[in-house]
C-alpha atoms as a PDB file:
ATOM      1  CA  MET A   1      15.753  22.038  93.440  1.00  0.00           C
ATOM      2  CA  ARG A   2      16.362  24.054  90.256  1.00  0.00           C
ATOM      3  CA  VAL A   3      19.545  22.077  89.552  1.00  0.00           C
ATOM      4  CA  ALA A   4      17.730  18.768  90.122  1.00  0.00           C
ATOM      5  CA  VAL A   5      14.957  19.730  87.657  1.00  0.00           C
ATOM      6  CA  ARG A   6      17.513  20.684  85.023  1.00  0.00           C
ATOM      7  CA  LEU A   7      19.444  17.484  85.555  1.00  0.00           C
ATOM      8  CA  ARG A   8      16.243  15.496  85.002  1.00  0.00           C
ATOM      9  CA  GLN A   9      15.554  17.464  81.819  1.00  0.00           C
ATOM     10  CA  ALA A  10      19.052  16.765  80.521  1.00  0.00           C
ATOM     11  CA  PHE A  11      18.687  13.097  81.416  1.00  0.00           C
ATOM     12  CA  THR A  12      15.385  12.978  79.493  1.00  0.00           C
ATOM     13  CA  LEU A  13      17.148  14.364  76.434  1.00  0.00           C
ATOM     14  CA  LEU A  14      19.817  11.723  76.813  1.00  0.00           C
ATOM     15  CA  VAL A  15      17.252   8.910  77.039  1.00  0.00           C
ATOM     16  CA  LEU A  16      15.548  10.180  73.903  1.00  0.00           C
ATOM     17  CA  GLY A  17      18.900  10.275  72.150  1.00  0.00           C
ATOM     18  CA  LEU A  18      19.697   6.716  73.191  1.00  0.00           C
ATOM     19  CA  ALA A  19      16.281   5.534  71.984  1.00  0.00           C
ATOM     20  CA  CYS A  20      16.948   7.173  68.655  1.00  0.00           C
ATOM     21  CA  LEU A  21      20.328   5.471  68.452  1.00  0.00           C
ATOM     22  CA  LEU A  22      18.728   2.073  68.985  1.00  0.00           C
ATOM     23  CA  ALA A  23      16.274   2.892  66.225  1.00  0.00           C
ATOM     24  CA  GLY A  24      19.162   3.617  63.854  1.00  0.00           C
ATOM     25  CA  CYS A  25      18.632   7.349  63.315  1.00  0.00           C
ATOM     26  CA  ALA A  26      22.266   8.437  63.631  1.00  0.00           C
ATOM     27  CA  THR A  27      21.828  12.022  62.398  1.00  0.00           C
ATOM     28  CA  MET A  28      18.965  12.790  64.769  1.00  0.00           C
ATOM     29  CA  ASP A  29      20.864  11.022  67.521  1.00  0.00           C
ATOM     30  CA  ARG A  30      23.932  13.225  67.078  1.00  0.00           C
ATOM     31  CA  MET A  31      21.797  16.349  66.931  1.00  0.00           C
ATOM     32  CA  GLY A  32      19.999  15.411  70.140  1.00  0.00           C
ATOM     33  CA  ALA A  33      23.301  14.699  71.884  1.00  0.00           C
ATOM     34  CA  ASN A  34      24.700  18.090  70.885  1.00  0.00           C
ATOM     35  CA  ILE A  35      21.538  19.760  72.155  1.00  0.00           C
ATOM     36  CA  GLY A  36      22.021  17.926  75.443  1.00  0.00           C
ATOM     37  CA  MET A  37      25.639  19.126  75.694  1.00  0.00           C
ATOM     38  CA  ARG A  38      24.714  22.740  75.013  1.00  0.00           C
ATOM     39  CA  PHE A  39      21.839  22.473  77.492  1.00  0.00           C
ATOM     40  CA  ALA A  40      24.277  21.269  80.153  1.00  0.00           C
ATOM     41  CA  GLU A  41      26.720  24.100  79.410  1.00  0.00           C
ATOM     42  CA  ASN A  42      24.081  26.824  79.446  1.00  0.00           C
ATOM     43  CA  HIS A  43      21.636  25.675  82.134  1.00  0.00           C
ATOM     44  CA  ILE A  44      23.198  23.041  84.402  1.00  0.00           C
ATOM     45  CA  LEU A  45      26.792  24.209  84.764  1.00  0.00           C
ATOM     46  CA  PRO A  46      26.162  27.813  85.924  1.00  0.00           C
ATOM     47  CA  PRO A  47      24.116  26.905  89.049  1.00  0.00           C
ATOM     48  CA  VAL A  48      26.576  24.112  89.884  1.00  0.00           C
ATOM     49  CA  LEU A  49      29.431  26.651  89.905  1.00  0.00           C
ATOM     50  CA  THR A  50      27.516  28.819  92.373  1.00  0.00           C
ATOM     51  CA  ASP A  51      26.969  25.933  94.821  1.00  0.00           C
ATOM     52  CA  ASP A  52      29.072  25.583  97.962  1.00  0.00           C
ATOM     53  CA  ASP A  53      28.494  21.848  98.434  1.00  0.00           C
ATOM     54  CA  LEU A  54      31.818  20.481  97.238  1.00  0.00           C
ATOM     55  CA  GLN A  55      30.968  16.879  98.110  1.00  0.00           C
ATOM     56  CA  MET A  56      27.917  16.998  95.884  1.00  0.00           C
ATOM     57  CA  GLY A  57      30.029  18.566  93.141  1.00  0.00           C
ATOM     58  CA  CYS A  58      32.564  15.741  93.140  1.00  0.00           C
ATOM     59  CA  ILE A  59      29.809  13.107  93.244  1.00  0.00           C
ATOM     60  CA  ASP A  60      28.124  14.820  90.283  1.00  0.00           C
ATOM     61  CA  GLY A  61      31.418  14.416  88.448  1.00  0.00           C
ATOM     62  CA  GLU A  62      31.486  10.684  89.211  1.00  0.00           C
ATOM     63  CA  VAL A  63      27.837  10.146  88.263  1.00  0.00           C
ATOM     64  CA  PHE A  64      27.606  12.193  85.082  1.00  0.00           C
ATOM     65  CA  SER A  65      31.017  11.487  83.523  1.00  0.00           C
ATOM     66  CA  PRO A  66      29.884   8.140  82.003  1.00  0.00           C
ATOM     67  CA  ILE A  67      26.727   9.762  80.638  1.00  0.00           C
ATOM     68  CA  VAL A  68      28.657  12.611  79.024  1.00  0.00           C
ATOM     69  CA  LEU A  69      31.200  10.173  77.593  1.00  0.00           C
ATOM     70  CA  SER A  70      28.383   8.135  76.024  1.00  0.00           C
ATOM     71  CA  MET A  71      27.300  11.277  74.190  1.00  0.00           C
ATOM     72  CA  GLY A  72      30.772  11.901  72.771  1.00  0.00           C
ATOM     73  CA  PRO A  73      32.515  10.934  69.505  1.00  0.00           C
ATOM     74  CA  VAL A  74      32.639   7.219  70.369  1.00  0.00           C
ATOM     75  CA  GLY A  75      28.964   7.242  71.344  1.00  0.00           C
ATOM     76  CA  LEU A  76      26.329   9.595  70.017  1.00  0.00           C
ATOM     77  CA  GLY A  77      28.794  11.855  68.214  1.00  0.00           C
ATOM     78  CA  ALA A  78      28.494  15.072  70.230  1.00  0.00           C
ATOM     79  CA  GLU A  79      31.393  17.380  71.098  1.00  0.00           C
ATOM     80  CA  ASN A  80      31.794  16.687  74.815  1.00  0.00           C
ATOM     81  CA  ASP A  81      35.376  17.689  75.654  1.00  0.00           C
ATOM     82  CA  GLN A  82      34.617  20.803  77.701  1.00  0.00           C
ATOM     83  CA  ILE A  83      32.006  19.192  79.937  1.00  0.00           C
ATOM     84  CA  ALA A  84      34.142  16.051  80.258  1.00  0.00           C
ATOM     85  CA  THR A  85      37.103  18.189  81.376  1.00  0.00           C
ATOM     86  CA  LEU A  86      35.041  19.769  84.132  1.00  0.00           C
ATOM     87  CA  LEU A  87      33.421  16.505  85.240  1.00  0.00           C
ATOM     88  CA  TYR A  88      36.670  14.543  85.416  1.00  0.00           C
ATOM     89  CA  SER A  89      38.399  17.330  87.350  1.00  0.00           C
ATOM     90  CA  THR A  90      35.581  17.475  89.897  1.00  0.00           C
ATOM     91  CA  ALA A  91      35.332  13.673  90.134  1.00  0.00           C
ATOM     92  CA  ALA A  92      39.021  13.636  91.057  1.00  0.00           C
ATOM     93  CA  LEU A  93      38.188  15.621  94.203  1.00  0.00           C
ATOM     94  CA  CYS A  94      36.371  12.584  95.627  1.00  0.00           C
ATOM     95  CA  ALA A  95      39.421  10.377  95.062  1.00  0.00           C
ATOM     96  CA  GLU A  96      41.757  12.993  96.533  1.00  0.00           C
ATOM     97  CA  GLN A  97      39.618  13.278  99.668  1.00  0.00           C
ATOM     98  CA  ALA A  98      39.605   9.485 100.083  1.00  0.00           C
ATOM     99  CA  ALA A  99      43.395   9.483  99.651  1.00  0.00           C
ATOM    100  CA  LEU A 100      43.692  12.154 102.346  1.00  0.00           C
ATOM    101  CA  ASP A 101      41.576  10.132 104.773  1.00  0.00           C
ATOM    102  CA  SER A 102      43.863   7.132 104.267  1.00  0.00           C
ATOM    103  CA  GLU A 103      46.951   9.319 104.661  1.00  0.00           C
ATOM    104  CA  LEU A 104      45.689  10.651 107.992  1.00  0.00           C
ATOM    105  CA  THR A 105      45.101   7.070 109.163  1.00  0.00           C
ATOM    106  CA  TYR A 106      48.675   6.279 108.136  1.00  0.00           C
ATOM    107  CA  LEU A 107      50.049   9.268 110.066  1.00  0.00           C
ATOM    108  CA  ARG A 108      48.143   8.391 113.246  1.00  0.00           C
ATOM    109  CA  ALA A 109      49.119   4.720 113.051  1.00  0.00           C
ATOM    110  CA  THR A 110      52.757   5.665 112.481  1.00  0.00           C
ATOM    111  CA  ARG A 111      52.779   7.891 115.571  1.00  0.00           C
ATOM    112  CA  GLU A 112      51.523   4.961 117.645  1.00  0.00           C
ATOM    113  CA  SER A 113      53.820   2.362 115.984  1.00  0.00           C
ATOM    114  CA  ARG A 114      50.896   0.344 114.598  1.00  0.00           C
ATOM    115  CA  ILE A 115      52.984  -0.905 111.696  1.00  0.00           C
ATOM    116  CA  GLU A 116      50.478  -3.122 109.854  1.00  0.00           C
ATOM    117  CA  GLU A 117      47.722  -0.530 110.009  1.00  0.00           C
ATOM    118  CA  ALA A 118      50.098   2.190 108.820  1.00  0.00           C
ATOM    119  CA  GLU A 119      51.304   0.071 105.920  1.00  0.00           C
ATOM    120  CA  ASP A 120      47.764  -0.852 104.886  1.00  0.00           C
ATOM    121  CA  ALA A 121      46.621   2.777 105.029  1.00  0.00           C
ATOM    122  CA  ARG A 122      49.560   3.814 102.841  1.00  0.00           C
ATOM    123  CA  ILE A 123      48.641   1.184 100.258  1.00  0.00           C
ATOM    124  CA  VAL A 124      45.028   2.393 100.184  1.00  0.00           C
ATOM    125  CA  GLN A 125      46.207   5.996  99.920  1.00  0.00           C
ATOM    126  CA  LYS A 126      48.319   5.212  96.848  1.00  0.00           C
ATOM    127  CA  ARG A 127      45.399   3.455  95.187  1.00  0.00           C
ATOM    128  CA  TRP A 128      43.182   6.503  95.643  1.00  0.00           C
ATOM    129  CA  LEU A 129      45.975   8.791  94.442  1.00  0.00           C
ATOM    130  CA  ALA A 130      46.290   6.660  91.318  1.00  0.00           C
ATOM    131  CA  MET A 131      42.552   7.038  90.694  1.00  0.00           C
ATOM    132  CA  ALA A 132      42.761  10.805  91.227  1.00  0.00           C
ATOM    133  CA  ALA A 133      45.723  11.011  88.837  1.00  0.00           C
ATOM    134  CA  GLN A 134      43.880   8.972  86.218  1.00  0.00           C
ATOM    135  CA  ARG A 135      40.785  11.189  86.394  1.00  0.00           C
ATOM    136  CA  GLN A 136      42.867  14.366  86.264  1.00  0.00           C
ATOM    137  CA  TYR A 137      44.848  13.052  83.312  1.00  0.00           C
ATOM    138  CA  HIS A 138      41.582  12.247  81.523  1.00  0.00           C
ATOM    139  CA  ALA A 139      40.483  15.834  82.214  1.00  0.00           C
ATOM    140  CA  TYR A 140      43.752  17.088  80.738  1.00  0.00           C
ATOM    141  CA  GLN A 141      43.385  14.871  77.663  1.00  0.00           C
ATOM    142  CA  HIS A 142      39.865  16.161  76.955  1.00  0.00           C
ATOM    143  CA  PHE A 143      41.062  19.736  77.460  1.00  0.00           C
ATOM    144  CA  GLU A 144      44.042  19.165  75.163  1.00  0.00           C
ATOM    145  CA  HIS A 145      41.851  17.599  72.464  1.00  0.00           C
ATOM    146  CA  TYR A 146      39.359  20.460  72.604  1.00  0.00           C
ATOM    147  CA  TYR A 147      41.973  23.197  72.227  1.00  0.00           C
ATOM    148  CA  THR A 148      44.380  21.476  69.838  1.00  0.00           C
ATOM    149  CA  GLY A 149      42.442  18.652  68.164  1.00  0.00           C
ATOM    150  CA  THR A 150      44.466  17.300  65.265  1.00  0.00           C
ATOM    151  CA  SER A 151      46.028  20.662  64.392  1.00  0.00           C
ATOM    152  CA  GLY A 152      49.425  19.724  65.752  1.00  0.00           C
ATOM    153  CA  ASP A 153      49.412  22.701  68.125  1.00  0.00           C
ATOM    154  CA  VAL A 154      50.929  22.159  71.548  1.00  0.00           C
ATOM    155  CA  ILE A 155      49.452  23.334  74.838  1.00  0.00           C
ATOM    156  CA  GLY A 156      51.674  26.084  76.145  1.00  0.00           C
ATOM    157  CA  GLY A 157      52.513  27.257  72.643  1.00  0.00           C
ATOM    158  CA  LYS A 158      50.247  29.668  70.790  1.00  0.00           C
ATOM    159  CA  CYS A 159      47.298  30.792  72.900  1.00  0.00           C
ATOM    160  CA  PRO A 160      43.937  29.683  71.476  1.00  0.00           C
ATOM    161  CA  PRO A 161      41.156  32.175  70.743  1.00  0.00           C
ATOM    162  CA  PHE A 162      38.590  32.167  73.555  1.00  0.00           C
ATOM    163  CA  ARG A 163      34.918  32.580  72.693  1.00  0.00           C
ATOM    164  CA  ASN A 164      33.638  33.197  76.197  1.00  0.00           C
ATOM    165  CA  ASP A 165      34.325  32.766  79.924  1.00  0.00           C
ATOM    166  CA  LEU A 166      33.553  29.039  79.769  1.00  0.00           C
ATOM    167  CA  ASP A 167      36.345  28.588  77.225  1.00  0.00           C
ATOM    168  CA  GLU A 168      38.795  30.321  79.561  1.00  0.00           C
ATOM    169  CA  LEU A 169      37.584  28.448  82.629  1.00  0.00           C
ATOM    170  CA  VAL A 170      37.930  25.042  80.971  1.00  0.00           C
ATOM    171  CA  PHE A 171      41.345  26.009  79.617  1.00  0.00           C
ATOM    172  CA  MET A 172      42.540  26.951  83.098  1.00  0.00           C
ATOM    173  CA  LEU A 173      41.081  23.929  84.912  1.00  0.00           C
ATOM    174  CA  GLY A 174      42.167  21.487  82.221  1.00  0.00           C
ATOM    175  CA  ALA A 175      45.770  22.661  82.331  1.00  0.00           C
ATOM    176  CA  ILE A 176      45.853  22.652  86.136  1.00  0.00           C
ATOM    177  CA  SER A 177      44.340  19.148  86.165  1.00  0.00           C
ATOM    178  CA  GLY A 178      47.363  17.981  84.211  1.00  0.00           C
ATOM    179  CA  LEU A 179      49.670  19.439  86.832  1.00  0.00           C
ATOM    180  CA  GLN A 180      47.674  17.820  89.639  1.00  0.00           C
ATOM    181  CA  ALA A 181      47.785  14.508  87.768  1.00  0.00           C
ATOM    182  CA  ILE A 182      51.587  14.594  87.805  1.00  0.00           C
ATOM    183  CA  VAL A 183      51.733  15.219  91.564  1.00  0.00           C
ATOM    184  CA  ASN A 184      49.233  12.485  92.416  1.00  0.00           C
ATOM    185  CA  ASP A 185      50.844  10.048  89.992  1.00  0.00           C
ATOM    186  CA  VAL A 186      54.291  10.568  91.535  1.00  0.00           C
ATOM    187  CA  ASN A 187      52.841  10.015  94.999  1.00  0.00           C
ATOM    188  CA  SER A 188      51.158   6.810  93.791  1.00  0.00           C
ATOM    189  CA  GLN A 189      54.556   5.554  92.571  1.00  0.00           C
ATOM    190  CA  ASN A 190      53.758   6.363  88.928  1.00  0.00           C
ATOM    191  CA  ALA A 191      50.804   4.007  88.701  1.00  0.00           C
ATOM    192  CA  VAL A 192      49.361   5.987  85.767  1.00  0.00           C
ATOM    193  CA  ASN A 193      52.585   7.212  84.106  1.00  0.00           C
ATOM    194  CA  VAL A 194      51.347  10.743  83.495  1.00  0.00           C
ATOM    195  CA  PRO A 195      53.787  12.568  81.167  1.00  0.00           C
ATOM    196  CA  LYS A 196      55.976  14.898  83.223  1.00  0.00           C
ATOM    197  CA  ASP A 197      56.313  17.502  80.471  1.00  0.00           C
ATOM    198  CA  ILE A 198      52.755  18.596  81.260  1.00  0.00           C
ATOM    199  CA  ALA A 199      54.181  20.744  84.086  1.00  0.00           C
ATOM    200  CA  ALA A 200      56.124  22.995  81.711  1.00  0.00           C
ATOM    201  CA  LYS A 201      53.153  23.127  79.307  1.00  0.00           C
ATOM    202  CA  THR A 202      50.833  24.187  82.123  1.00  0.00           C
ATOM    203  CA  GLU A 203      53.219  26.897  83.290  1.00  0.00           C
ATOM    204  CA  ARG A 204      53.315  28.387  79.785  1.00  0.00           C
ATOM    205  CA  ALA A 205      49.569  27.909  79.253  1.00  0.00           C
ATOM    206  CA  MET A 206      48.788  30.067  82.277  1.00  0.00           C
ATOM    207  CA  THR A 207      50.226  33.090  80.433  1.00  0.00           C
ATOM    208  CA  CYS A 208      47.194  32.934  78.125  1.00  0.00           C
ATOM    209  CA  LEU A 209      44.853  33.938  80.964  1.00  0.00           C
ATOM    210  CA  ASP A 210      44.124  37.225  82.697  1.00  0.00           C
ATOM    211  CA  ASN A 211      45.493  36.826  86.232  1.00  0.00           C
ATOM    212  CA  ALA A 212      43.269  39.516  87.729  1.00  0.00           C
ATOM    213  CA  LYS A 213      40.133  38.111  86.098  1.00  0.00           C
ATOM    214  CA  TRP A 214      40.761  34.560  87.283  1.00  0.00           C
ATOM    215  CA  TRP A 215      41.309  35.189  90.991  1.00  0.00           C
ATOM    216  CA  GLY A 216      45.140  35.372  90.804  1.00  0.00           C
ATOM    217  CA  LEU A 217      45.251  31.647  90.095  1.00  0.00           C
ATOM    218  CA  PRO A 218      47.189  31.618  86.771  1.00  0.00           C
ATOM    219  CA  LYS A 219      50.267  33.386  88.180  1.00  0.00           C
ATOM    220  CA  ALA A 220      50.017  31.518  91.497  1.00  0.00           C
ATOM    221  CA  VAL A 221      50.199  28.232  89.555  1.00  0.00           C
ATOM    222  CA  ARG A 222      53.177  29.497  87.560  1.00  0.00           C
ATOM    223  CA  ALA A 223      54.936  30.544  90.771  1.00  0.00           C
ATOM    224  CA  ALA A 224      54.289  27.114  92.303  1.00  0.00           C
ATOM    225  CA  VAL A 225      56.010  25.516  89.299  1.00  0.00           C
ATOM    226  CA  TRP A 226      58.918  27.982  89.619  1.00  0.00           C
ATOM    227  CA  ASN A 227      59.312  26.911  93.236  1.00  0.00           C
ATOM    228  CA  LEU A 228      59.948  23.353  92.072  1.00  0.00           C
ATOM    229  CA  MET A 229      62.309  24.234  89.219  1.00  0.00           C
ATOM    230  CA  PRO A 230      66.066  24.072  89.917  1.00  0.00           C
ATOM    231  CA  GLY A 231      66.680  27.493  88.382  1.00  0.00           C
ATOM    232  CA  GLY A 232      63.457  29.092  89.564  1.00  0.00           C
ATOM    233  CA  GLY A 233      61.463  31.372  87.289  1.00  0.00           C
ATOM    234  CA  PRO A 234      61.499  34.887  85.867  1.00  0.00           C
ATOM    235  CA  GLU A 235      60.059  36.387  89.074  1.00  0.00           C
ATOM    236  CA  GLU A 236      60.429  35.777  92.804  1.00  0.00           C
ATOM    237  CA  PRO A 237      57.708  33.125  93.381  1.00  0.00           C
ATOM    238  CA  TRP A 238      56.628  33.953  96.940  1.00  0.00           C
ATOM    239  CA  GLY A 239      55.988  37.580  96.085  1.00  0.00           C
ATOM    240  CA  VAL A 240      53.961  36.549  93.037  1.00  0.00           C
ATOM    241  CA  ILE A 241      51.870  34.190  95.151  1.00  0.00           C
ATOM    242  CA  GLN A 242      51.232  36.918  97.730  1.00  0.00           C
ATOM    243  CA  LYS A 243      49.976  39.321  95.067  1.00  0.00           C
ATOM    244  CA  SER A 244      47.777  36.566  93.651  1.00  0.00           C
ATOM    245  CA  MET A 245      46.348  35.895  97.112  1.00  0.00           C
ATOM    246  CA  ASP A 246      45.411  39.574  97.413  1.00  0.00           C
ATOM    247  CA  ILE A 247      43.622  39.362  94.071  1.00  0.00           C
ATOM    248  CA  GLY A 248      41.852  36.163  95.127  1.00  0.00           C
ATOM    249  CA  LYS A 249      40.563  37.807  98.279  1.00  0.00           C
ATOM    250  CA  GLN A 250      39.203  40.739  96.284  1.00  0.00           C
ATOM    251  CA  LYS A 251      37.544  38.416  93.775  1.00  0.00           C
ATOM    252  CA  GLY A 252      36.102  36.086  96.425  1.00  0.00           C
ATOM    253  CA  VAL A 253      37.967  32.939  95.337  1.00  0.00           C
ATOM    254  CA  ARG A 254      40.869  31.945  97.596  1.00  0.00           C
ATOM    255  CA  ILE A 255      42.554  29.137  95.671  1.00  0.00           C
ATOM    256  CA  ALA A 256      45.788  31.161  95.558  1.00  0.00           C
ATOM    257  CA  TYR A 257      45.914  30.779  99.355  1.00  0.00           C
ATOM    258  CA  ALA A 258      45.821  27.025  98.836  1.00  0.00           C
ATOM    259  CA  ILE A 259      48.672  27.293  96.309  1.00  0.00           C
ATOM    260  CA  TYR A 260      50.702  29.151  98.948  1.00  0.00           C
ATOM    261  CA  ALA A 261      50.075  26.406 101.507  1.00  0.00           C
ATOM    262  CA  ILE A 262      50.805  23.626  98.993  1.00  0.00           C
ATOM    263  CA  SER A 263      54.110  25.234  97.967  1.00  0.00           C
ATOM    264  CA  ALA A 264      55.221  25.854 101.546  1.00  0.00           C
ATOM    265  CA  TYR A 265      54.303  22.324 102.636  1.00  0.00           C
ATOM    266  CA  ALA A 266      56.049  20.751  99.633  1.00  0.00           C
ATOM    267  CA  LYS A 267      59.246  22.671 100.383  1.00  0.00           C
ATOM    268  CA  GLY A 268      59.086  21.984 104.119  1.00  0.00           C
ATOM    269  CA  ASP A 269      58.946  25.719 104.848  1.00  0.00           C
ATOM    270  CA  ASP A 270      57.167  25.690 108.211  1.00  0.00           C
ATOM    271  CA  ALA A 271      57.257  29.472 108.662  1.00  0.00           C
ATOM    272  CA  ARG A 272      55.522  30.120 105.344  1.00  0.00           C
ATOM    273  CA  LEU A 273      53.066  27.291 105.958  1.00  0.00           C
ATOM    274  CA  GLN A 274      52.033  28.862 109.250  1.00  0.00           C
ATOM    275  CA  ASP A 275      51.753  32.211 107.471  1.00  0.00           C
ATOM    276  CA  ALA A 276      49.488  30.618 104.849  1.00  0.00           C
ATOM    277  CA  PHE A 277      47.207  29.303 107.592  1.00  0.00           C
ATOM    278  CA  LYS A 278      47.260  32.665 109.377  1.00  0.00           C
ATOM    279  CA  GLN A 279      46.397  34.667 106.258  1.00  0.00           C
ATOM    280  CA  TYR A 280      43.637  32.281 105.279  1.00  0.00           C
ATOM    281  CA  GLN A 281      42.145  32.333 108.770  1.00  0.00           C
ATOM    282  CA  ALA A 282      42.167  36.139 108.595  1.00  0.00           C
ATOM    283  CA  THR A 283      39.846  35.988 105.577  1.00  0.00           C
ATOM    284  CA  VAL A 284      37.538  33.624 107.460  1.00  0.00           C
ATOM    285  CA  ASP A 285      37.405  36.053 110.381  1.00  0.00           C
ATOM    286  CA  ASP A 286      37.018  39.111 108.145  1.00  0.00           C
ATOM    287  CA  PRO A 287      33.356  40.219 108.144  1.00  0.00           C
ATOM    288  CA  ASN A 288      33.968  42.114 104.915  1.00  0.00           C
ATOM    289  CA  TYR A 289      35.155  39.072 102.955  1.00  0.00           C
ATOM    290  CA  THR A 290      32.500  37.916 100.483  1.00  0.00           C
ATOM    291  CA  PRO A 291      32.892  34.690  98.490  1.00  0.00           C
ATOM    292  CA  SER A 292      32.228  34.927  94.770  1.00  0.00           C
ATOM    293  CA  VAL A 293      28.620  34.213  93.884  1.00  0.00           C
ATOM    294  CA  GLN A 294      29.332  33.118  90.307  1.00  0.00           C
ATOM    295  CA  TYR A 295      32.246  30.830  91.231  1.00  0.00           C
ATOM    296  CA  ARG A 296      31.430  29.889  94.806  1.00  0.00           C
ATOM    297  CA  ILE A 297      32.418  26.247  94.375  1.00  0.00           C
ATOM    298  CA  PHE A 298      36.021  27.185  93.572  1.00  0.00           C
ATOM    299  CA  ASP A 299      36.325  29.176  96.767  1.00  0.00           C
ATOM    300  CA  ARG A 300      35.247  25.978  98.524  1.00  0.00           C
ATOM    301  CA  VAL A 301      37.976  24.072  96.663  1.00  0.00           C
ATOM    302  CA  GLY A 302      40.516  26.440  98.209  1.00  0.00           C
ATOM    303  CA  ASP A 303      38.911  25.867 101.587  1.00  0.00           C
ATOM    304  CA  MET A 304      39.117  22.080 101.174  1.00  0.00           C
ATOM    305  CA  ILE A 305      42.803  22.183 100.199  1.00  0.00           C
ATOM    306  CA  ILE A 306      43.787  24.455 103.089  1.00  0.00           C
ATOM    307  CA  TRP A 307      42.009  22.322 105.671  1.00  0.00           C
ATOM    308  CA  GLY A 308      43.428  19.156 104.125  1.00  0.00           C
ATOM    309  CA  ILE A 309      46.983  20.436 104.516  1.00  0.00           C
ATOM    310  CA  SER A 310      46.186  21.588 108.034  1.00  0.00           C
ATOM    311  CA  ASP A 311      44.863  18.107 108.848  1.00  0.00           C
ATOM    312  CA  ARG A 312      48.108  16.570 107.563  1.00  0.00           C
ATOM    313  CA  TYR A 313      50.238  18.963 109.584  1.00  0.00           C
ATOM    314  CA  GLN A 314      48.168  18.487 112.713  1.00  0.00           C
ATOM    315  CA  SER A 315      48.120  14.691 112.366  1.00  0.00           C
ATOM    316  CA  GLU A 316      51.908  14.652 112.038  1.00  0.00           C
ATOM    317  CA  HIS A 317      52.493  16.867 115.069  1.00  0.00           C
ATOM    318  CA  VAL A 318      49.498  16.222 117.302  1.00  0.00           C
ATOM    319  CA  GLY A 319      47.811  13.026 116.139  1.00  0.00           C
ATOM    320  CA  THR A 320      44.356  14.367 115.243  1.00  0.00           C
ATOM    321  CA  ARG A 321      42.702  16.321 112.484  1.00  0.00           C
ATOM    322  CA  THR A 322      42.255  20.058 112.831  1.00  0.00           C
ATOM    323  CA  PRO A 323      39.479  20.946 115.300  1.00  0.00           C
ATOM    324  CA  ALA A 324      36.637  23.037 113.954  1.00  0.00           C
ATOM    325  CA  GLY A 325      37.154  26.768 114.105  1.00  0.00           C
ATOM    326  CA  ALA A 326      40.944  27.032 114.201  1.00  0.00           C
ATOM    327  CA  LEU A 327      43.715  26.075 111.817  1.00  0.00           C
ATOM    328  CA  VAL A 328      46.612  24.152 113.391  1.00  0.00           C
ATOM    329  CA  PRO A 329      46.579  24.515 117.197  1.00  0.00           C
ATOM    330  CA  ALA A 330      50.007  25.227 118.673  1.00  0.00           C
ATOM    331  CA  GLU A 331      50.221  22.070 120.756  1.00  0.00           C
ATOM    332  CA  ALA A 332      48.513  18.793 121.501  1.00  0.00           C
ATOM    333  CA  PRO A 333      45.930  18.719 124.293  1.00  0.00           C
ATOM    334  CA  ASP A 334      46.867  17.066 127.562  1.00  0.00           C
ATOM    335  CA  VAL A 335      44.858  13.844 127.296  1.00  0.00           C
ATOM    336  CA  SER A 336      45.009  13.269 131.059  1.00  0.00           C
ATOM    337  CA  LYS A 337      43.031  16.467 131.642  1.00  0.00           C
ATOM    338  CA  LEU A 338      40.365  15.902 129.031  1.00  0.00           C
ATOM    339  CA  LYS A 339      36.783  15.324 130.105  1.00  0.00           C
ATOM    340  CA  LEU A 340      34.254  13.313 128.123  1.00  0.00           C
ATOM    341  CA  ASP A 341      32.304  16.460 127.321  1.00  0.00           C
ATOM    342  CA  ASP A 342      35.422  17.903 125.637  1.00  0.00           C
ATOM    343  CA  LEU A 343      35.374  15.076 123.108  1.00  0.00           C
ATOM    344  CA  LEU A 344      31.697  15.366 122.180  1.00  0.00           C
END
């Protein structure tokens, strides 16, 4: 309710700003837009980050991105890069989830040799991946503009001065969005043509952040990049990821667990993938594990990624998504012995 009231207040400010624009008062218009941006940063964003409704978060990104863009340099003249980075990165979650749903349809159809359905699902999946890549690349571009502007600096070069936690958070999410954009673009057959050098920039950019403060995510991301590099990195990646997972558990944000699962799945390392599921499930079963209050939504992002990979694995090997309550059952159920009540 509190979030809804604040959203209405911000929307009222926006409407007033637009009315002023139509009246020709550009200076007042820009001032009102900047007030709206600061209001969003200080009063709307914090409660959103504490929410655990990830679906609502991604829909908020889809709904409010056009509004925030209208308040930017090409609209009302406000500085909107930070909020735009966050909104585009969250909006991409909706596209990624839609892509996953189509991928699971493809996997099930392939198992049953339904060729046309499998082919159609793959086409739809690539379209959603292209949309996710485009949104993530937009997030990266806003992040890059905010931290480099026209200075000629390069992301991954000199670390920028951070004013507060929001600066660091946007820096981290913006850089990671660029890395995600590359992956989704490749899987969409380069529909967006995201520059591939973003991967190296992101790896270097993560050194600007405190790994312990940010849930072990910066070094986990670096290790994931090392895993994909021919020569590896300066440290053994799996050990780095494990240490980052331990930090994430202590901090109450388990995205490093998702990085472990993503890396293992990408490399076809079944043993490590099963270990990722096992370790994550242990945190779910641990009565002493407490999700972060301040950054609850990011713990849910880790949850979404883990279950998404589990659904892929299960659909490949069993033909269904992961049942509630257990990651990746060992074997498919015997359909001949199932009762109707078992399916309800």
